[in-house]
All heavy atoms as atom14 arrays in JSON, in Angstrom:
{
  "sequence": "PDDWSLMAKRIAKELNDGNVDGVVVTQGTDTLHFSTAAMSFFLRNLN",
  "atom14_mask": [
    [1, 1, 1, 1, 1, 1, 1, 0, 0, 0, 0, 0, 0, 0],
    [1, 1, 1, 1, 1, 1, 1, 1, 0, 0, 0, 0, 0, 0],
    [1, 1, 1, 1, 1, 1, 1, 1, 0, 0, 0, 0, 0, 0],
    [1, 1, 1, 1, 1, 1, 1, 1, 1, 1, 1, 1, 1, 1],
    [1, 1, 1, 1, 1, 1, 0, 0, 0, 0, 0, 0, 0, 0],
    [1, 1, 1, 1, 1, 1, 1, 1, 0, 0, 0, 0, 0, 0],
    [1, 1, 1, 1, 1, 1, 1, 1, 0, 0, 0, 0, 0, 0],
    [1, 1, 1, 1, 1, 0, 0, 0, 0, 0, 0, 0, 0, 0],
    [1, 1, 1, 1, 1, 1, 1, 1, 1, 0, 0, 0, 0, 0],
    [1, 1, 1, 1, 1, 1, 1, 1, 1, 1, 1, 0, 0, 0],
    [1, 1, 1, 1, 1, 1, 1, 1, 0, 0, 0, 0, 0, 0],
    [1, 1, 1, 1, 1, 0, 0, 0, 0, 0, 0, 0, 0, 0],
    [1, 1, 1, 1, 1, 1, 1, 1, 1, 0, 0, 0, 0, 0],
    [1, 1, 1, 1, 1, 1, 1, 1, 1, 0, 0, 0, 0, 0],
    [1, 1, 1, 1, 1, 1, 1, 1, 0, 0, 0, 0, 0, 0],
    [1, 1, 1, 1, 1, 1, 1, 1, 0, 0, 0, 0, 0, 0],
    [1, 1, 1, 1, 1, 1, 1, 1, 0, 0, 0, 0, 0, 0],
    [1, 1, 1, 1, 0, 0, 0, 0, 0, 0, 0, 0, 0, 0],
    [1, 1, 1, 1, 1, 1, 1, 1, 0, 0, 0, 0, 0, 0],
    [1, 1, 1, 1, 1, 1, 1, 0, 0, 0, 0, 0, 0, 0],
    [1, 1, 1, 1, 1, 1, 1, 1, 0, 0, 0, 0, 0, 0],
    [1, 1, 1, 1, 0, 0, 0, 0, 0, 0, 0, 0, 0, 0],
    [1, 1, 1, 1, 1, 1, 1, 0, 0, 0, 0, 0, 0, 0],
    [1, 1, 1, 1, 1, 1, 1, 0, 0, 0, 0, 0, 0, 0],
    [1, 1, 1, 1, 1, 1, 1, 0, 0, 0, 0, 0, 0, 0],
    [1, 1, 1, 1, 1, 1, 1, 0, 0, 0, 0, 0, 0, 0],
    [1, 1, 1, 1, 1, 1, 1, 1, 1, 0, 0, 0, 0, 0],
    [1, 1, 1, 1, 0, 0, 0, 0, 0, 0, 0, 0, 0, 0],
    [1, 1, 1, 1, 1, 1, 1, 0, 0, 0, 0, 0, 0, 0],
    [1, 1, 1, 1, 1, 1, 1, 1, 0, 0, 0, 0, 0, 0],
    [1, 1, 1, 1, 1, 1, 1, 0, 0, 0, 0, 0, 0, 0],
    [1, 1, 1, 1, 1, 1, 1, 1, 0, 0, 0, 0, 0, 0],
    [1, 1, 1, 1, 1, 1, 1, 1, 1, 1, 0, 0, 0, 0],
    [1, 1, 1, 1, 1, 1, 1, 1, 1, 1, 1, 0, 0, 0],
    [1, 1, 1, 1, 1, 1, 0, 0, 0, 0, 0, 0, 0, 0],
    [1, 1, 1, 1, 1, 1, 1, 0, 0, 0, 0, 0, 0, 0],
    [1, 1, 1, 1, 1, 0, 0, 0, 0, 0, 0, 0, 0, 0],
    [1, 1, 1, 1, 1, 0, 0, 0, 0, 0, 0, 0, 0, 0],
    [1, 1, 1, 1, 1, 1, 1, 1, 0, 0, 0, 0, 0, 0],
    [1, 1, 1, 1, 1, 1, 0, 0, 0, 0, 0, 0, 0, 0],
    [1, 1, 1, 1, 1, 1, 1, 1, 1, 1, 1, 0, 0, 0],
    [1, 1, 1, 1, 1, 1, 1, 1, 1, 1, 1, 0, 0, 0],
    [1, 1, 1, 1, 1, 1, 1, 1, 0, 0, 0, 0, 0, 0],
    [1, 1, 1, 1, 1, 1, 1, 1, 1, 1, 1, 0, 0, 0],
    [1, 1, 1, 1, 1, 1, 1, 1, 0, 0, 0, 0, 0, 0],
    [1, 1, 1, 1, 1, 1, 1, 1, 0, 0, 0, 0, 0, 0],
    [1, 1, 1, 1, 1, 1, 1, 1, 0, 0, 0, 0, 0, 0]
  ],
  "atom14_positions": [
    [[3.74, 10.91, -6.63], [4.26, 9.52, -6.8], [5.23, 9.16, -5.74], [5.37, 7.98, -5.44], [4.94, 9.61, -8.21], [4.06, 10.67, -8.91], [3.7, 11.67, -7.87], [0.0, 0.0, 0.0], [0.0, 0.0, 0.0], [0.0, 0.0, 0.0], [0.0, 0.0, 0.0], [0.0, 0.0, 0.0], [0.0, 0.0, 0.0], [0.0, 0.0, 0.0]],
    [[6.05, 10.08, -5.23], [6.99, 9.78, -4.17], [6.25, 9.24, -2.91], [6.76, 8.31, -2.3], [7.81, 10.97, -3.73], [8.82, 11.39, -4.78], [9.08, 10.54, -5.64], [9.24, 12.54, -4.76], [0.0, 0.0, 0.0], [0.0, 0.0, 0.0], [0.0, 0.0, 0.0], [0.0, 0.0, 0.0], [0.0, 0.0, 0.0], [0.0, 0.0, 0.0]],
    [[5.07, 9.79, -2.62], [4.28, 9.28, -1.51], [3.83, 7.92, -1.75], [3.82, 7.05, -0.86], [3.19, 10.23, -1.17], [3.59, 11.64, -0.82], [4.47, 11.71, 0.09], [3.24, 12.61, -1.39], [0.0, 0.0, 0.0], [0.0, 0.0, 0.0], [0.0, 0.0, 0.0], [0.0, 0.0, 0.0], [0.0, 0.0, 0.0], [0.0, 0.0, 0.0]],
    [[3.35, 7.62, -3.0], [2.83, 6.29, -3.3], [4.04, 5.25, -3.24], [3.85, 4.16, -2.73], [2.3, 6.23, -4.78], [1.13, 7.18, -5.0], [0.21, 7.63, -4.07], [0.85, 7.96, -6.2], [-0.63, 8.53, -4.64], [-0.31, 8.75, -5.92], [1.44, 7.92, -7.49], [-0.86, 9.51, -6.91], [0.89, 8.74, -8.48], [-0.3, 9.51, -8.16]],
    [[5.21, 5.66, -3.65], [6.34, 4.77, -3.65], [6.7, 4.42, -2.13], [6.86, 3.16, -1.91], [7.51, 5.51, -4.25], [8.6, 4.7, -4.3], [0.0, 0.0, 0.0], [0.0, 0.0, 0.0], [0.0, 0.0, 0.0], [0.0, 0.0, 0.0], [0.0, 0.0, 0.0], [0.0, 0.0, 0.0], [0.0, 0.0, 0.0], [0.0, 0.0, 0.0]],
    [[6.68, 5.37, -1.27], [6.98, 5.13, 0.11], [5.9, 4.21, 0.74], [6.17, 3.28, 1.5], [7.07, 6.43, 0.85], [7.53, 6.47, 2.28], [8.92, 5.92, 2.39], [7.44, 7.89, 2.85], [0.0, 0.0, 0.0], [0.0, 0.0, 0.0], [0.0, 0.0, 0.0], [0.0, 0.0, 0.0], [0.0, 0.0, 0.0], [0.0, 0.0, 0.0]],
    [[4.66, 4.53, 0.43], [3.51, 3.79, 0.93], [3.65, 2.33, 0.55], [3.46, 1.41, 1.37], [2.23, 4.39, 0.34], [0.97, 3.97, 0.98], [-0.48, 4.63, 0.0], [-0.65, 6.24, 0.66], [0.0, 0.0, 0.0], [0.0, 0.0, 0.0], [0.0, 0.0, 0.0], [0.0, 0.0, 0.0], [0.0, 0.0, 0.0], [0.0, 0.0, 0.0]],
    [[4.04, 2.03, -0.72], [4.13, 0.68, -1.19], [5.18, -0.11, -0.44], [5.0, -1.24, -0.06], [4.48, 0.66, -2.68], [0.0, 0.0, 0.0], [0.0, 0.0, 0.0], [0.0, 0.0, 0.0], [0.0, 0.0, 0.0], [0.0, 0.0, 0.0], [0.0, 0.0, 0.0], [0.0, 0.0, 0.0], [0.0, 0.0, 0.0], [0.0, 0.0, 0.0]],
    [[6.31, 0.63, -0.2], [7.44, -0.06, 0.61], [6.98, -0.47, 1.99], [7.27, -1.53, 2.55], [8.62, 0.87, 0.67], [9.46, 0.89, -0.62], [10.71, 1.71, -0.32], [11.24, 2.36, -1.62], [12.05, 3.57, -1.42], [0.0, 0.0, 0.0], [0.0, 0.0, 0.0], [0.0, 0.0, 0.0], [0.0, 0.0, 0.0], [0.0, 0.0, 0.0]],
    [[6.31, 0.54, 2.67], [5.78, 0.27, 4.02], [4.79, -0.83, 4.09], [4.9, -1.7, 4.98], [5.26, 1.59, 4.59], [6.23, 2.74, 4.82], [7.24, 2.39, 5.95], [6.52, 2.18, 7.29], [6.22, 3.21, 8.09], [6.49, 4.45, 7.8], [5.57, 2.93, 9.19], [0.0, 0.0, 0.0], [0.0, 0.0, 0.0], [0.0, 0.0, 0.0]],
    [[3.85, -0.85, 3.13], [2.85, -1.89, 3.17], [3.51, -3.28, 3.0], [3.17, -4.23, 3.63], [1.8, -1.66, 2.07], [1.01, -0.41, 2.41], [0.83, -2.83, 1.99], [0.1, 0.1, 1.32], [0.0, 0.0, 0.0], [0.0, 0.0, 0.0], [0.0, 0.0, 0.0], [0.0, 0.0, 0.0], [0.0, 0.0, 0.0], [0.0, 0.0, 0.0]],
    [[4.39, -3.35, 1.96], [5.01, -4.65, 1.62], [5.87, -5.07, 2.82], [5.88, -6.31, 3.14], [5.96, -4.46, 0.43], [0.0, 0.0, 0.0], [0.0, 0.0, 0.0], [0.0, 0.0, 0.0], [0.0, 0.0, 0.0], [0.0, 0.0, 0.0], [0.0, 0.0, 0.0], [0.0, 0.0, 0.0], [0.0, 0.0, 0.0], [0.0, 0.0, 0.0]],
    [[6.48, -4.19, 3.53], [7.3, -4.59, 4.77], [6.36, -5.25, 5.78], [6.7, -6.26, 6.31], [7.97, -3.37, 5.26], [8.96, -3.73, 6.43], [9.8, -2.46, 6.81], [10.83, -2.6, 7.84], [10.84, -3.89, 8.58], [0.0, 0.0, 0.0], [0.0, 0.0, 0.0], [0.0, 0.0, 0.0], [0.0, 0.0, 0.0], [0.0, 0.0, 0.0]],
    [[5.2, -4.62, 6.05], [4.24, -5.21, 6.96], [3.82, -6.58, 6.51], [3.63, -7.45, 7.3], [3.05, -4.24, 7.16], [3.32, -2.99, 7.93], [3.8, -3.22, 9.33], [3.41, -4.25, 9.96], [4.55, -2.34, 9.86], [0.0, 0.0, 0.0], [0.0, 0.0, 0.0], [0.0, 0.0, 0.0], [0.0, 0.0, 0.0], [0.0, 0.0, 0.0]],
    [[3.46, -6.67, 5.25], [2.95, -7.9, 4.76], [3.94, -9.06, 4.72], [3.69, -10.24, 5.01], [2.4, -7.75, 3.28], [1.19, -6.88, 3.13], [0.85, -6.55, 1.7], [-0.11, -7.54, 3.79], [0.0, 0.0, 0.0], [0.0, 0.0, 0.0], [0.0, 0.0, 0.0], [0.0, 0.0, 0.0], [0.0, 0.0, 0.0], [0.0, 0.0, 0.0]],
    [[5.2, -8.72, 4.51], [6.3, -9.73, 4.37], [6.97, -10.03, 5.69], [7.28, -11.16, 6.0], [7.38, -9.26, 3.4], [6.87, -9.39, 1.94], [6.04, -10.18, 1.63], [7.42, -8.54, 1.05], [0.0, 0.0, 0.0], [0.0, 0.0, 0.0], [0.0, 0.0, 0.0], [0.0, 0.0, 0.0], [0.0, 0.0, 0.0], [0.0, 0.0, 0.0]],
    [[7.12, -8.98, 6.53], [7.83, -9.21, 7.79], [6.92, -9.4, 9.02], [7.2, -10.18, 9.91], [8.74, -8.03, 8.11], [9.77, -7.69, 7.04], [9.91, -8.58, 6.16], [10.34, -6.65, 7.0], [0.0, 0.0, 0.0], [0.0, 0.0, 0.0], [0.0, 0.0, 0.0], [0.0, 0.0, 0.0], [0.0, 0.0, 0.0], [0.0, 0.0, 0.0]],
    [[5.76, -8.69, 8.96], [4.91, -8.79, 10.2], [4.06, -10.06, 10.19], [3.78, -10.57, 9.07], [0.0, 0.0, 0.0], [0.0, 0.0, 0.0], [0.0, 0.0, 0.0], [0.0, 0.0, 0.0], [0.0, 0.0, 0.0], [0.0, 0.0, 0.0], [0.0, 0.0, 0.0], [0.0, 0.0, 0.0], [0.0, 0.0, 0.0], [0.0, 0.0, 0.0]],
    [[3.65, -10.45, 11.41], [2.71, -11.58, 11.46], [1.31, -11.0, 11.38], [0.66, -10.87, 12.42], [3.04, -12.29, 12.76], [2.19, -13.55, 12.96], [1.62, -14.02, 11.98], [2.04, -13.99, 14.21], [0.0, 0.0, 0.0], [0.0, 0.0, 0.0], [0.0, 0.0, 0.0], [0.0, 0.0, 0.0], [0.0, 0.0, 0.0], [0.0, 0.0, 0.0]],
    [[0.92, -10.59, 10.15], [-0.42, -9.86, 10.06], [-1.24, -10.61, 9.05], [-0.9, -11.37, 8.19], [-0.13, -8.42, 9.47], [0.63, -7.62, 10.52], [0.54, -8.41, 8.16], [0.0, 0.0, 0.0], [0.0, 0.0, 0.0], [0.0, 0.0, 0.0], [0.0, 0.0, 0.0], [0.0, 0.0, 0.0], [0.0, 0.0, 0.0], [0.0, 0.0, 0.0]],
    [[-2.56, -10.42, 9.23], [-3.58, -11.0, 8.33], [-3.85, -10.07, 7.14], [-4.41, -10.53, 6.11], [-4.9, -11.19, 9.04], [-4.77, -12.28, 10.2], [-4.14, -13.27, 9.91], [-5.24, -12.05, 11.29], [0.0, 0.0, 0.0], [0.0, 0.0, 0.0], [0.0, 0.0, 0.0], [0.0, 0.0, 0.0], [0.0, 0.0, 0.0], [0.0, 0.0, 0.0]],
    [[-3.56, -8.77, 7.37], [-3.79, -7.84, 6.29], [-3.35, -6.45, 6.82], [-2.89, -6.36, 7.96], [0.0, 0.0, 0.0], [0.0, 0.0, 0.0], [0.0, 0.0, 0.0], [0.0, 0.0, 0.0], [0.0, 0.0, 0.0], [0.0, 0.0, 0.0], [0.0, 0.0, 0.0], [0.0, 0.0, 0.0], [0.0, 0.0, 0.0], [0.0, 0.0, 0.0]],
    [[-3.44, -5.43, 5.96], [-3.03, -4.09, 6.32], [-4.15, -3.09, 6.11], [-4.83, -3.18, 5.07], [-1.75, -3.7, 5.51], [-1.4, -2.18, 5.72], [-0.54, -4.53, 5.88], [0.0, 0.0, 0.0], [0.0, 0.0, 0.0], [0.0, 0.0, 0.0], [0.0, 0.0, 0.0], [0.0, 0.0, 0.0], [0.0, 0.0, 0.0], [0.0, 0.0, 0.0]],
    [[-4.35, -2.16, 7.06], [-5.3, -1.08, 6.91], [-4.49, 0.21, 6.62], [-3.53, 0.47, 7.38], [-6.2, -0.92, 8.17], [-7.06, 0.35, 8.01], [-7.04, -2.18, 8.39], [0.0, 0.0, 0.0], [0.0, 0.0, 0.0], [0.0, 0.0, 0.0], [0.0, 0.0, 0.0], [0.0, 0.0, 0.0], [0.0, 0.0, 0.0], [0.0, 0.0, 0.0]],
    [[-4.89, 0.99, 5.69], [-4.23, 2.23, 5.39], [-5.28, 3.38, 5.47], [-6.39, 3.24, 4.9], [-3.65, 2.32, 3.98], [-2.89, 3.6, 3.65], [-2.71, 1.1, 3.78], [0.0, 0.0, 0.0], [0.0, 0.0, 0.0], [0.0, 0.0, 0.0], [0.0, 0.0, 0.0], [0.0, 0.0, 0.0], [0.0, 0.0, 0.0], [0.0, 0.0, 0.0]],
    [[-4.95, 4.45, 6.2], [-5.93, 5.57, 6.29], [-5.36, 6.73, 5.5], [-4.18, 7.02, 5.56], [-6.2, 5.97, 7.76], [-4.97, 6.36, 8.31], [-6.81, 4.85, 8.52], [0.0, 0.0, 0.0], [0.0, 0.0, 0.0], [0.0, 0.0, 0.0], [0.0, 0.0, 0.0], [0.0, 0.0, 0.0], [0.0, 0.0, 0.0], [0.0, 0.0, 0.0]],
    [[-6.23, 7.44, 4.8], [-5.79, 8.52, 3.9], [-7.01, 9.44, 3.68], [-8.18, 9.02, 3.84], [-5.3, 8.0, 2.61], [-4.75, 9.08, 1.72], [-4.55, 8.67, 0.25], [-3.86, 7.75, -0.09], [-5.27, 9.39, -0.68], [0.0, 0.0, 0.0], [0.0, 0.0, 0.0], [0.0, 0.0, 0.0], [0.0, 0.0, 0.0], [0.0, 0.0, 0.0]],
    [[-6.79, 10.61, 3.26], [-7.88, 11.57, 2.9], [-8.58, 10.99, 1.66], [-8.0, 10.21, 0.83], [0.0, 0.0, 0.0], [0.0, 0.0, 0.0], [0.0, 0.0, 0.0], [0.0, 0.0, 0.0], [0.0, 0.0, 0.0], [0.0, 0.0, 0.0], [0.0, 0.0, 0.0], [0.0, 0.0, 0.0], [0.0, 0.0, 0.0], [0.0, 0.0, 0.0]],
    [[-9.85, 11.47, 1.47], [-10.66, 10.77, 0.4], [-10.45, 11.29, -0.96], [-10.59, 10.57, -1.9], [-12.16, 11.08, 0.74], [-12.43, 12.44, 0.84], [-12.63, 10.3, 1.98], [0.0, 0.0, 0.0], [0.0, 0.0, 0.0], [0.0, 0.0, 0.0], [0.0, 0.0, 0.0], [0.0, 0.0, 0.0], [0.0, 0.0, 0.0], [0.0, 0.0, 0.0]],
    [[-9.99, 12.54, -1.11], [-9.95, 13.21, -2.41], [-9.12, 12.44, -3.5], [-9.58, 12.39, -4.66], [-9.48, 14.62, -2.35], [-10.51, 15.58, -1.74], [-11.57, 15.08, -1.45], [-10.3, 16.77, -1.64], [0.0, 0.0, 0.0], [0.0, 0.0, 0.0], [0.0, 0.0, 0.0], [0.0, 0.0, 0.0], [0.0, 0.0, 0.0], [0.0, 0.0, 0.0]],
    [[-8.01, 11.86, -3.08], [-7.2, 11.17, -4.09], [-7.01, 9.68, -3.71], [-6.08, 9.04, -4.11], [-5.83, 11.79, -4.25], [-5.08, 11.75, -3.09], [-5.93, 13.27, -4.7], [0.0, 0.0, 0.0], [0.0, 0.0, 0.0], [0.0, 0.0, 0.0], [0.0, 0.0, 0.0], [0.0, 0.0, 0.0], [0.0, 0.0, 0.0], [0.0, 0.0, 0.0]],
    [[-7.94, 9.21, -2.88], [-7.9, 7.86, -2.43], [-7.82, 6.88, -3.6], [-7.01, 5.89, -3.51], [-9.07, 7.49, -1.47], [-9.05, 6.24, -0.72], [-7.97, 6.37, 0.38], [-10.36, 5.92, -0.07], [0.0, 0.0, 0.0], [0.0, 0.0, 0.0], [0.0, 0.0, 0.0], [0.0, 0.0, 0.0], [0.0, 0.0, 0.0], [0.0, 0.0, 0.0]],
    [[-8.55, 7.11, -4.64], [-8.63, 6.15, -5.75], [-7.32, 6.21, -6.55], [-7.03, 5.23, -7.24], [-9.88, 6.31, -6.62], [-10.11, 7.67, -7.16], [-10.36, 8.72, -6.37], [-10.22, 8.12, -8.48], [-10.58, 9.84, -7.14], [-10.47, 9.45, -8.36], [0.0, 0.0, 0.0], [0.0, 0.0, 0.0], [0.0, 0.0, 0.0], [0.0, 0.0, 0.0]],
    [[-6.55, 7.23, -6.48], [-5.26, 7.25, -7.18], [-4.28, 6.36, -6.4], [-3.55, 5.6, -6.9], [-4.72, 8.7, -7.16], [-5.33, 9.56, -8.16], [-6.48, 10.38, -7.92], [-4.86, 9.77, -9.45], [-7.04, 11.19, -8.82], [-5.41, 10.57, -10.41], [-6.55, 11.3, -10.08], [0.0, 0.0, 0.0], [0.0, 0.0, 0.0], [0.0, 0.0, 0.0]],
    [[-4.32, 6.5, -4.98], [-3.43, 5.73, -4.13], [-3.81, 4.22, -4.24], [-2.82, 3.42, -4.39], [-3.59, 6.13, -2.76], [-3.16, 7.49, -2.54], [0.0, 0.0, 0.0], [0.0, 0.0, 0.0], [0.0, 0.0, 0.0], [0.0, 0.0, 0.0], [0.0, 0.0, 0.0], [0.0, 0.0, 0.0], [0.0, 0.0, 0.0], [0.0, 0.0, 0.0]],
    [[-5.05, 3.88, -4.27], [-5.33, 2.45, -4.41], [-5.02, 1.89, -5.7], [-4.55, 0.75, -5.88], [-6.9, 2.24, -4.12], [-7.68, 2.9, -4.99], [-7.22, 2.59, -2.68], [0.0, 0.0, 0.0], [0.0, 0.0, 0.0], [0.0, 0.0, 0.0], [0.0, 0.0, 0.0], [0.0, 0.0, 0.0], [0.0, 0.0, 0.0], [0.0, 0.0, 0.0]],
    [[-5.17, 2.67, -6.76], [-4.73, 2.26, -8.12], [-3.17, 2.03, -8.07], [-2.67, 1.01, -8.56], [-5.1, 3.26, -9.17], [0.0, 0.0, 0.0], [0.0, 0.0, 0.0], [0.0, 0.0, 0.0], [0.0, 0.0, 0.0], [0.0, 0.0, 0.0], [0.0, 0.0, 0.0], [0.0, 0.0, 0.0], [0.0, 0.0, 0.0], [0.0, 0.0, 0.0]],
    [[-2.5, 3.0, -7.49], [-1.0, 2.91, -7.49], [-0.51, 1.65, -6.7], [0.3, 0.9, -7.13], [-0.35, 4.11, -6.8], [0.0, 0.0, 0.0], [0.0, 0.0, 0.0], [0.0, 0.0, 0.0], [0.0, 0.0, 0.0], [0.0, 0.0, 0.0], [0.0, 0.0, 0.0], [0.0, 0.0, 0.0], [0.0, 0.0, 0.0], [0.0, 0.0, 0.0]],
    [[-1.17, 1.39, -5.54], [-0.79, 0.18, -4.75], [-1.13, -1.06, -5.51], [-0.44, -2.04, -5.37], [-1.51, 0.18, -3.4], [-1.08, 1.29, -2.41], [0.78, 1.48, -2.3], [1.01, 2.89, -3.34], [0.0, 0.0, 0.0], [0.0, 0.0, 0.0], [0.0, 0.0, 0.0], [0.0, 0.0, 0.0], [0.0, 0.0, 0.0], [0.0, 0.0, 0.0]],
    [[-2.28, -1.03, -6.33], [-2.64, -2.27, -7.03], [-1.56, -2.63, -8.07], [-1.41, -3.78, -8.38], [-3.98, -1.96, -7.73], [-4.98, -1.64, -6.88], [0.0, 0.0, 0.0], [0.0, 0.0, 0.0], [0.0, 0.0, 0.0], [0.0, 0.0, 0.0], [0.0, 0.0, 0.0], [0.0, 0.0, 0.0], [0.0, 0.0, 0.0], [0.0, 0.0, 0.0]],
    [[-0.84, -1.68, -8.59], [0.23, -1.96, -9.57], [1.58, -2.11, -8.94], [2.38, -2.96, -9.25], [0.3, -0.9, -10.63], [-0.98, -0.82, -11.48], [-1.78, 0.3, -11.44], [-1.39, -1.89, -12.19], [-2.94, 0.4, -12.22], [-2.58, -1.84, -12.99], [-3.31, -0.67, -12.95], [0.0, 0.0, 0.0], [0.0, 0.0, 0.0], [0.0, 0.0, 0.0]],
    [[1.86, -1.29, -7.86], [3.16, -1.29, -7.26], [3.44, -2.58, -6.51], [4.62, -3.02, -6.37], [3.32, -0.03, -6.32], [3.47, 1.28, -7.0], [3.23, 1.42, -8.29], [3.85, 2.37, -6.23], [3.31, 2.69, -8.9], [3.88, 3.63, -6.78], [3.67, 3.78, -8.1], [0.0, 0.0, 0.0], [0.0, 0.0, 0.0], [0.0, 0.0, 0.0]],
    [[2.35, -3.16, -5.86], [2.56, -4.37, -5.06], [2.25, -5.61, -5.88], [1.12, -5.96, -6.16], [1.58, -4.28, -3.83], [1.79, -3.12, -2.91], [0.61, -2.97, -1.91], [3.09, -3.23, -2.15], [0.0, 0.0, 0.0], [0.0, 0.0, 0.0], [0.0, 0.0, 0.0], [0.0, 0.0, 0.0], [0.0, 0.0, 0.0], [0.0, 0.0, 0.0]],
    [[3.29, -6.16, -6.33], [3.13, -7.45, -7.19], [3.15, -8.66, -6.29], [3.74, -8.73, -5.21], [4.35, -7.52, -8.12], [4.49, -6.35, -9.11], [3.47, -6.39, -10.27], [2.2, -5.84, -9.97], [0.94, -6.47, -10.19], [0.94, -7.51, -10.85], [-0.17, -5.83, -9.77], [0.0, 0.0, 0.0], [0.0, 0.0, 0.0], [0.0, 0.0, 0.0]],
    [[2.5, -9.74, -6.79], [2.3, -10.91, -6.04], [1.7, -10.68, -4.66], [2.22, -11.16, -3.59], [3.64, -11.7, -5.83], [4.37, -11.97, -7.14], [3.69, -12.17, -8.2], [5.66, -11.87, -7.13], [0.0, 0.0, 0.0], [0.0, 0.0, 0.0], [0.0, 0.0, 0.0], [0.0, 0.0, 0.0], [0.0, 0.0, 0.0], [0.0, 0.0, 0.0]],
    [[0.69, -9.91, -4.66], [0.04, -9.52, -3.38], [-0.45, -10.74, -2.72], [-0.94, -11.67, -3.31], [-1.09, -8.5, -3.61], [-1.62, -7.87, -2.4], [-0.56, -7.06, -1.64], [-2.71, -6.9, -2.85], [0.0, 0.0, 0.0], [0.0, 0.0, 0.0], [0.0, 0.0, 0.0], [0.0, 0.0, 0.0], [0.0, 0.0, 0.0], [0.0, 0.0, 0.0]],
    [[-0.32, -10.82, -1.34], [-0.59, -12.11, -0.65], [-1.82, -12.01, 0.37], [-2.37, -12.92, 0.78], [0.59, -12.64, 0.11], [1.26, -11.59, 1.02], [0.66, -10.5, 1.23], [2.43, -11.89, 1.52], [0.0, 0.0, 0.0], [0.0, 0.0, 0.0], [0.0, 0.0, 0.0], [0.0, 0.0, 0.0], [0.0, 0.0, 0.0], [0.0, 0.0, 0.0]]
  ]
}
């Protein structure tokens, strides 16, 4: 969960501060669906 927490902060920073159209995250496959579920809840008002 600490890694998911850090990941959420970094993604939000890029989405809010950066002049970006979207964000790509690379990760190993085995727990990818845990990470994507975590980001789906941790990132509110996703834009």
